[in-house]
Amino acid sequence: MSQMSALFKQAITTFTCKKEIFHQNLEILHAVLDKITADDVDLHPQFMKESLWMRPNKAPVTYIDIFEDDKVSMGVFILKPGMRLPLHDHPQMYGLIKVIAGTIRITSFSLYTELLSENQHKNRLESDSVMAERNLEMVADASSEPCMLDPNKGNLHEIESVGGPAAFLDVLSPPYRTPITGNGPRLCTYYKVIKEMEPRIFKLEKIEAPSWYWNDTFPYTGPQVP
């Protein structure tokens, strides 16, 4: 079994298992993901050459779709030098990131309102701004263990390439567009920081997807999953 097949199998197990063994399986998933390398996804060396990103009309981000169903999505993001994924959210989702090439910087926020009642949570979804606590900045490369967000902690983040192109494997559950009971599909919302209200507490405002952010796609050529 390939490392990617093992990762896929554990991801499905983790996000479909009973609640009482979920965290145990999440730890196993984290450990399996930690073993993934650029070779395991057949990351083409061209993506780590700065000359590629200098080509006219080349998108600043490339996405490689590996797998997606209504439980799990898996894919690789590749960022040009100095590019970032804009500050965005993951509504009631878990996410794990493993850097497979280059270096990234992660700036994340945890929403205060995620722990409120269902009605208050719905009000947050309808509001144009949110309050969030800024977490410690993280810098990660291929030698780093996977980074993780959950429905409460680090649920908003931006990811920036540092010192050259960077690539990371992304595992999300449930995927975007899957429904949240009573609130409709999970949609990706973008934010900008408005001001610091008190130490580490910031007001964030919802915005449209930034015009400077767009991506192209590249076919997955690694081991088949499932």
C-alpha atoms as a PDB file:
ATOM      1  CA  MET A   1       0.000   0.000   0.000  1.00  0.00           C
ATOM      2  CA  SER A   2       1.358   3.443  -0.944  1.00  0.00           C
ATOM      3  CA  GLN A   3       1.693   6.211   1.629  1.00  0.00           C
ATOM      4  CA  MET A   4      -1.109   8.101  -0.149  1.00  0.00           C
ATOM      5  CA  SER A   5      -3.403   5.072  -0.014  1.00  0.00           C
ATOM      6  CA  ALA A   6      -2.656   4.717   3.699  1.00  0.00           C
ATOM      7  CA  LEU A   7      -3.402   8.424   4.196  1.00  0.00           C
ATOM      8  CA  PHE A   8      -6.685   8.178   2.312  1.00  0.00           C
ATOM      9  CA  LYS A   9      -7.762   5.079   4.244  1.00  0.00           C
ATOM     10  CA  GLN A  10      -6.990   6.710   7.598  1.00  0.00           C
ATOM     11  CA  ALA A  11      -8.706   9.975   6.618  1.00  0.00           C
ATOM     12  CA  ILE A  12     -11.909   8.126   5.745  1.00  0.00           C
ATOM     13  CA  THR A  13     -11.679   6.095   8.957  1.00  0.00           C
ATOM     14  CA  THR A  14     -11.113   9.216  11.050  1.00  0.00           C
ATOM     15  CA  PHE A  15     -13.977  11.259   9.674  1.00  0.00           C
ATOM     16  CA  THR A  16     -16.541   8.458   9.624  1.00  0.00           C
ATOM     17  CA  CYS A  17     -15.755   6.766  12.964  1.00  0.00           C
ATOM     18  CA  LYS A  18     -17.776   6.975  16.176  1.00  0.00           C
ATOM     19  CA  LYS A  19     -17.287  10.100  18.303  1.00  0.00           C
ATOM     20  CA  GLU A  20     -15.747   8.206  21.197  1.00  0.00           C
ATOM     21  CA  ILE A  21     -12.757   7.112  19.086  1.00  0.00           C
ATOM     22  CA  PHE A  22     -12.522  10.192  16.851  1.00  0.00           C
ATOM     23  CA  HIS A  23      -9.600  11.887  18.605  1.00  0.00           C
ATOM     24  CA  GLN A  24      -7.647   8.633  18.720  1.00  0.00           C
ATOM     25  CA  ASN A  25      -8.077   8.279  14.968  1.00  0.00           C
ATOM     26  CA  LEU A  26      -7.251  11.945  14.417  1.00  0.00           C
ATOM     27  CA  GLU A  27      -3.896  11.395  16.135  1.00  0.00           C
ATOM     28  CA  ILE A  28      -3.226   8.426  13.847  1.00  0.00           C
ATOM     29  CA  LEU A  29      -4.141  10.530  10.797  1.00  0.00           C
ATOM     30  CA  HIS A  30      -1.738  13.232  11.973  1.00  0.00           C
ATOM     31  CA  ALA A  31       1.042  10.621  12.253  1.00  0.00           C
ATOM     32  CA  VAL A  32       0.344   9.141   8.816  1.00  0.00           C
ATOM     33  CA  LEU A  33       0.262  12.593   7.206  1.00  0.00           C
ATOM     34  CA  ASP A  34       3.579  13.438   8.863  1.00  0.00           C
ATOM     35  CA  LYS A  35       5.252  10.739   6.732  1.00  0.00           C
ATOM     36  CA  ILE A  36       4.062  12.149   3.394  1.00  0.00           C
ATOM     37  CA  THR A  37       6.726  13.599   1.106  1.00  0.00           C
ATOM     38  CA  ALA A  38       6.811  15.340  -2.264  1.00  0.00           C
ATOM     39  CA  ASP A  39       7.681  12.001  -3.884  1.00  0.00           C
ATOM     40  CA  ASP A  40       4.532  10.399  -2.453  1.00  0.00           C
ATOM     41  CA  VAL A  41       2.320  12.817  -4.429  1.00  0.00           C
ATOM     42  CA  ASP A  42       4.695  12.902  -7.418  1.00  0.00           C
ATOM     43  CA  LEU A  43       5.217  16.650  -7.088  1.00  0.00           C
ATOM     44  CA  HIS A  44       6.819  17.734 -10.348  1.00  0.00           C
ATOM     45  CA  PRO A  45      10.184  19.516  -9.827  1.00  0.00           C
ATOM     46  CA  GLN A  46       9.130  22.315 -12.206  1.00  0.00           C
ATOM     47  CA  PHE A  47       6.866  23.733  -9.504  1.00  0.00           C
ATOM     48  CA  MET A  48       9.813  24.508  -7.252  1.00  0.00           C
ATOM     49  CA  LYS A  49      11.649  26.457  -9.961  1.00  0.00           C
ATOM     50  CA  GLU A  50      11.094  30.197  -9.729  1.00  0.00           C
ATOM     51  CA  SER A  51      11.330  30.458 -13.526  1.00  0.00           C
ATOM     52  CA  LEU A  52       7.949  28.718 -13.844  1.00  0.00           C
ATOM     53  CA  TRP A  53       6.236  31.431 -11.829  1.00  0.00           C
ATOM     54  CA  MET A  54       7.732  34.181 -13.980  1.00  0.00           C
ATOM     55  CA  ARG A  55       5.885  33.020 -17.083  1.00  0.00           C
ATOM     56  CA  PRO A  56       3.285  35.482 -18.429  1.00  0.00           C
ATOM     57  CA  ASN A  57      -0.269  34.759 -17.255  1.00  0.00           C
ATOM     58  CA  LYS A  58       0.868  31.987 -14.880  1.00  0.00           C
ATOM     59  CA  ALA A  59      -1.556  31.775 -11.961  1.00  0.00           C
ATOM     60  CA  PRO A  60       0.063  32.599  -8.599  1.00  0.00           C
ATOM     61  CA  VAL A  61      -1.305  29.370  -7.102  1.00  0.00           C
ATOM     62  CA  THR A  62      -1.670  25.889  -8.587  1.00  0.00           C
ATOM     63  CA  TYR A  63      -4.054  23.319  -7.098  1.00  0.00           C
ATOM     64  CA  ILE A  64      -3.791  19.564  -7.603  1.00  0.00           C
ATOM     65  CA  ASP A  65      -7.064  17.792  -6.795  1.00  0.00           C
ATOM     66  CA  ILE A  66      -6.390  14.323  -5.372  1.00  0.00           C
ATOM     67  CA  PHE A  67      -9.762  13.243  -3.989  1.00  0.00           C
ATOM     68  CA  GLU A  68     -13.074  14.657  -2.794  1.00  0.00           C
ATOM     69  CA  ASP A  69     -16.383  13.215  -1.658  1.00  0.00           C
ATOM     70  CA  ASP A  70     -18.920  14.378   0.930  1.00  0.00           C
ATOM     71  CA  LYS A  71     -16.617  13.362   3.824  1.00  0.00           C
ATOM     72  CA  VAL A  72     -13.060  14.298   2.873  1.00  0.00           C
ATOM     73  CA  SER A  73     -11.127  16.377   0.371  1.00  0.00           C
ATOM     74  CA  MET A  74      -7.404  15.978  -0.338  1.00  0.00           C
ATOM     75  CA  GLY A  75      -5.285  18.167  -2.565  1.00  0.00           C
ATOM     76  CA  VAL A  76      -1.975  19.968  -2.991  1.00  0.00           C
ATOM     77  CA  PHE A  77      -1.571  23.748  -3.050  1.00  0.00           C
ATOM     78  CA  ILE A  78       1.549  25.210  -4.660  1.00  0.00           C
ATOM     79  CA  LEU A  79       2.298  28.905  -4.063  1.00  0.00           C
ATOM     80  CA  LYS A  80       4.587  31.133  -6.079  1.00  0.00           C
ATOM     81  CA  PRO A  81       7.357  32.962  -4.169  1.00  0.00           C
ATOM     82  CA  GLY A  82       5.869  35.544  -1.805  1.00  0.00           C
ATOM     83  CA  MET A  83       2.288  34.500  -2.576  1.00  0.00           C
ATOM     84  CA  ARG A  84      -0.313  33.753   0.058  1.00  0.00           C
ATOM     85  CA  LEU A  85      -3.726  32.202   0.383  1.00  0.00           C
ATOM     86  CA  PRO A  86      -5.889  35.096   1.639  1.00  0.00           C
ATOM     87  CA  LEU A  87      -7.276  35.049   5.170  1.00  0.00           C
ATOM     88  CA  HIS A  88     -10.259  32.695   4.962  1.00  0.00           C
ATOM     89  CA  ASP A  89     -12.428  30.453   7.122  1.00  0.00           C
ATOM     90  CA  HIS A  90     -13.313  26.758   7.388  1.00  0.00           C
ATOM     91  CA  PRO A  91     -16.902  26.602   8.724  1.00  0.00           C
ATOM     92  CA  GLN A  92     -17.193  23.777  11.281  1.00  0.00           C
ATOM     93  CA  MET A  93     -14.345  21.896   9.576  1.00  0.00           C
ATOM     94  CA  TYR A  94     -11.150  20.090  10.470  1.00  0.00           C
ATOM     95  CA  GLY A  95      -8.061  20.772   8.389  1.00  0.00           C
ATOM     96  CA  LEU A  96      -4.573  19.283   8.339  1.00  0.00           C
ATOM     97  CA  ILE A  97      -1.630  20.691   6.373  1.00  0.00           C
ATOM     98  CA  LYS A  98       1.672  18.979   5.623  1.00  0.00           C
ATOM     99  CA  VAL A  99       4.384  20.989   3.868  1.00  0.00           C
ATOM    100  CA  ILE A 100       6.048  18.849   1.211  1.00  0.00           C
ATOM    101  CA  ALA A 101       8.347  21.462  -0.387  1.00  0.00           C
ATOM    102  CA  GLY A 102       9.588  24.940   0.492  1.00  0.00           C
ATOM    103  CA  THR A 103       8.556  26.917   3.557  1.00  0.00           C
ATOM    104  CA  ILE A 104       5.255  28.483   4.599  1.00  0.00           C
ATOM    105  CA  ARG A 105       4.160  30.971   7.241  1.00  0.00           C
ATOM    106  CA  ILE A 106       0.719  30.472   8.795  1.00  0.00           C
ATOM    107  CA  THR A 107      -1.166  33.312  10.465  1.00  0.00           C
ATOM    108  CA  SER A 108      -4.331  32.054  12.136  1.00  0.00           C
ATOM    109  CA  PHE A 109      -7.223  33.314  14.239  1.00  0.00           C
ATOM    110  CA  SER A 110      -9.720  31.527  16.496  1.00  0.00           C
ATOM    111  CA  LEU A 111     -13.260  32.879  16.414  1.00  0.00           C
ATOM    112  CA  TYR A 112     -14.770  33.824  19.741  1.00  0.00           C
ATOM    113  CA  THR A 113     -18.250  33.087  18.477  1.00  0.00           C
ATOM    114  CA  GLU A 114     -17.602  29.454  17.548  1.00  0.00           C
ATOM    115  CA  LEU A 115     -18.426  28.455  21.130  1.00  0.00           C
ATOM    116  CA  LEU A 116     -21.741  30.315  21.279  1.00  0.00           C
ATOM    117  CA  SER A 117     -25.254  28.949  20.848  1.00  0.00           C
ATOM    118  CA  GLU A 118     -26.626  27.811  17.492  1.00  0.00           C
ATOM    119  CA  ASN A 119     -28.647  31.029  17.072  1.00  0.00           C
ATOM    120  CA  GLN A 120     -25.620  33.184  17.898  1.00  0.00           C
ATOM    121  CA  HIS A 121     -23.543  31.133  15.451  1.00  0.00           C
ATOM    122  CA  LYS A 122     -26.144  31.763  12.741  1.00  0.00           C
ATOM    123  CA  ASN A 123     -26.023  35.483  13.530  1.00  0.00           C
ATOM    124  CA  ARG A 124     -22.251  35.386  13.030  1.00  0.00           C
ATOM    125  CA  LEU A 125     -22.685  33.854   9.597  1.00  0.00           C
ATOM    126  CA  GLU A 126     -25.022  36.704   8.671  1.00  0.00           C
ATOM    127  CA  SER A 127     -22.803  39.462  10.126  1.00  0.00           C
ATOM    128  CA  ASP A 128     -20.260  41.434   8.090  1.00  0.00           C
ATOM    129  CA  SER A 129     -17.611  41.270  10.824  1.00  0.00           C
ATOM    130  CA  VAL A 130     -16.319  38.912  13.514  1.00  0.00           C
ATOM    131  CA  MET A 131     -14.144  39.061  16.603  1.00  0.00           C
ATOM    132  CA  ALA A 132     -11.191  36.689  16.704  1.00  0.00           C
ATOM    133  CA  GLU A 133      -8.103  35.923  18.768  1.00  0.00           C
ATOM    134  CA  ARG A 134      -4.814  35.846  16.884  1.00  0.00           C
ATOM    135  CA  ASN A 135      -2.771  32.699  17.491  1.00  0.00           C
ATOM    136  CA  LEU A 136       1.004  32.440  17.503  1.00  0.00           C
ATOM    137  CA  GLU A 137       2.479  32.628  14.009  1.00  0.00           C
ATOM    138  CA  MET A 138       3.830  29.347  12.665  1.00  0.00           C
ATOM    139  CA  VAL A 139       6.596  28.699  10.144  1.00  0.00           C
ATOM    140  CA  ALA A 140       6.777  25.191   8.677  1.00  0.00           C
ATOM    141  CA  ASP A 141       8.769  23.282   6.081  1.00  0.00           C
ATOM    142  CA  ALA A 142       8.985  19.659   4.953  1.00  0.00           C
ATOM    143  CA  SER A 143      10.689  18.662   8.213  1.00  0.00           C
ATOM    144  CA  SER A 144       7.840  20.085  10.322  1.00  0.00           C
ATOM    145  CA  GLU A 145       4.970  18.037  11.675  1.00  0.00           C
ATOM    146  CA  PRO A 146       1.527  18.687  10.171  1.00  0.00           C
ATOM    147  CA  CYS A 147      -0.387  21.789  11.231  1.00  0.00           C
ATOM    148  CA  MET A 148      -4.025  21.368  12.207  1.00  0.00           C
ATOM    149  CA  LEU A 149      -7.144  23.485  12.656  1.00  0.00           C
ATOM    150  CA  ASP A 150     -10.452  22.378  14.113  1.00  0.00           C
ATOM    151  CA  PRO A 151     -13.950  23.914  14.247  1.00  0.00           C
ATOM    152  CA  ASN A 152     -12.854  26.186  17.120  1.00  0.00           C
ATOM    153  CA  LYS A 153      -9.091  26.748  17.054  1.00  0.00           C
ATOM    154  CA  GLY A 154      -7.246  28.353  14.146  1.00  0.00           C
ATOM    155  CA  ASN A 155     -10.369  28.235  12.003  1.00  0.00           C
ATOM    156  CA  LEU A 156      -9.383  31.350  10.044  1.00  0.00           C
ATOM    157  CA  HIS A 157      -5.938  31.474   8.508  1.00  0.00           C
ATOM    158  CA  GLU A 158      -3.722  32.718   5.724  1.00  0.00           C
ATOM    159  CA  ILE A 159      -0.749  30.798   4.342  1.00  0.00           C
ATOM    160  CA  GLU A 160       2.243  32.491   2.736  1.00  0.00           C
ATOM    161  CA  SER A 161       5.235  31.043   0.896  1.00  0.00           C
ATOM    162  CA  VAL A 162       8.587  32.118   2.329  1.00  0.00           C
ATOM    163  CA  GLY A 163      11.889  32.343   0.449  1.00  0.00           C
ATOM    164  CA  GLY A 164      10.644  30.728  -2.756  1.00  0.00           C
ATOM    165  CA  PRO A 165       7.816  28.477  -4.005  1.00  0.00           C
ATOM    166  CA  ALA A 166       6.108  26.243  -1.467  1.00  0.00           C
ATOM    167  CA  ALA A 167       3.796  23.243  -1.659  1.00  0.00           C
ATOM    168  CA  PHE A 168       1.604  21.613   0.960  1.00  0.00           C
ATOM    169  CA  LEU A 169      -0.843  18.736   1.118  1.00  0.00           C
ATOM    170  CA  ASP A 170      -4.253  19.768   2.455  1.00  0.00           C
ATOM    171  CA  VAL A 171      -6.791  17.407   4.074  1.00  0.00           C
ATOM    172  CA  LEU A 172     -10.221  18.855   4.940  1.00  0.00           C
ATOM    173  CA  SER A 173     -13.350  17.403   6.523  1.00  0.00           C
ATOM    174  CA  PRO A 174     -16.139  17.979   5.819  1.00  0.00           C
ATOM    175  CA  PRO A 175     -15.257  19.574   2.457  1.00  0.00           C
ATOM    176  CA  TYR A 176     -16.483  22.969   1.356  1.00  0.00           C
ATOM    177  CA  ARG A 177     -19.994  23.015  -0.131  1.00  0.00           C
ATOM    178  CA  THR A 178     -21.214  20.204   2.134  1.00  0.00           C
ATOM    179  CA  PRO A 179     -24.249  21.295   4.190  1.00  0.00           C
ATOM    180  CA  ILE A 180     -24.292  22.676   7.727  1.00  0.00           C
ATOM    181  CA  THR A 181     -27.593  21.774   9.352  1.00  0.00           C
ATOM    182  CA  GLY A 182     -29.833  24.848   9.347  1.00  0.00           C
ATOM    183  CA  ASN A 183     -27.243  27.077   7.654  1.00  0.00           C
ATOM    184  CA  GLY A 184     -26.842  25.753   4.119  1.00  0.00           C
ATOM    185  CA  PRO A 185     -23.598  24.743   2.377  1.00  0.00           C
ATOM    186  CA  ARG A 186     -20.130  25.415   3.765  1.00  0.00           C
ATOM    187  CA  LEU A 187     -18.795  28.380   1.810  1.00  0.00           C
ATOM    188  CA  CYS A 188     -15.311  29.870   1.925  1.00  0.00           C
ATOM    189  CA  THR A 189     -15.441  33.430   3.263  1.00  0.00           C
ATOM    190  CA  TYR A 190     -12.520  35.850   3.014  1.00  0.00           C
ATOM    191  CA  TYR A 191     -11.598  38.432   5.645  1.00  0.00           C
ATOM    192  CA  LYS A 192      -9.376  41.416   6.281  1.00  0.00           C
ATOM    193  CA  VAL A 193      -8.091  42.628   9.640  1.00  0.00           C
ATOM    194  CA  ILE A 194      -9.741  45.915  10.642  1.00  0.00           C
ATOM    195  CA  LYS A 195      -8.190  46.728  14.006  1.00  0.00           C
ATOM    196  CA  GLU A 196      -6.888  45.326  17.257  1.00  0.00           C
ATOM    197  CA  MET A 197      -9.593  45.760  19.905  1.00  0.00           C
ATOM    198  CA  GLU A 198      -7.422  44.560  22.811  1.00  0.00           C
ATOM    199  CA  PRO A 199      -4.202  42.528  23.022  1.00  0.00           C
ATOM    200  CA  ARG A 200      -4.402  39.717  20.425  1.00  0.00           C
ATOM    201  CA  ILE A 201      -8.144  40.321  19.877  1.00  0.00           C
ATOM    202  CA  PHE A 202      -8.985  41.648  16.422  1.00  0.00           C
ATOM    203  CA  LYS A 203     -12.036  42.752  14.502  1.00  0.00           C
ATOM    204  CA  LEU A 204     -12.164  41.089  11.092  1.00  0.00           C
ATOM    205  CA  GLU A 205     -14.386  42.137   8.209  1.00  0.00           C
ATOM    206  CA  LYS A 206     -15.754  39.888   5.488  1.00  0.00           C
ATOM    207  CA  ILE A 207     -14.608  40.764   1.985  1.00  0.00           C
ATOM    208  CA  GLU A 208     -14.954  39.481  -1.564  1.00  0.00           C
ATOM    209  CA  ALA A 209     -12.253  37.151  -2.859  1.00  0.00           C
ATOM    210  CA  PRO A 210      -9.193  39.371  -3.503  1.00  0.00           C
ATOM    211  CA  SER A 211      -8.577  40.092  -7.199  1.00  0.00           C
ATOM    212  CA  TRP A 212      -4.887  39.200  -6.847  1.00  0.00           C
ATOM    213  CA  TYR A 213      -5.699  35.647  -5.759  1.00  0.00           C
ATOM    214  CA  TRP A 214      -6.531  33.055  -8.369  1.00  0.00           C
ATOM    215  CA  ASN A 215      -5.369  29.564  -9.242  1.00  0.00           C
ATOM    216  CA  ASP A 216      -4.933  27.147 -12.075  1.00  0.00           C
ATOM    217  CA  THR A 217      -4.967  23.358 -11.791  1.00  0.00           C
ATOM    218  CA  PHE A 218      -2.637  20.485 -12.574  1.00  0.00           C
ATOM    219  CA  PRO A 219      -3.565  16.784 -12.775  1.00  0.00           C
ATOM    220  CA  TYR A 220      -2.668  14.460  -9.946  1.00  0.00           C
ATOM    221  CA  THR A 221      -0.074  11.939 -11.149  1.00  0.00           C
ATOM    222  CA  GLY A 222       0.727  10.193  -7.866  1.00  0.00           C
ATOM    223  CA  PRO A 223      -0.516   6.781  -6.642  1.00  0.00           C
ATOM    224  CA  GLN A 224      -4.207   6.188  -7.119  1.00  0.00           C
ATOM    225  CA  VAL A 225      -6.513   6.811  -4.173  1.00  0.00           C
ATOM    226  CA  PRO A 226      -8.645   5.116  -3.095  1.00  0.00           C
END
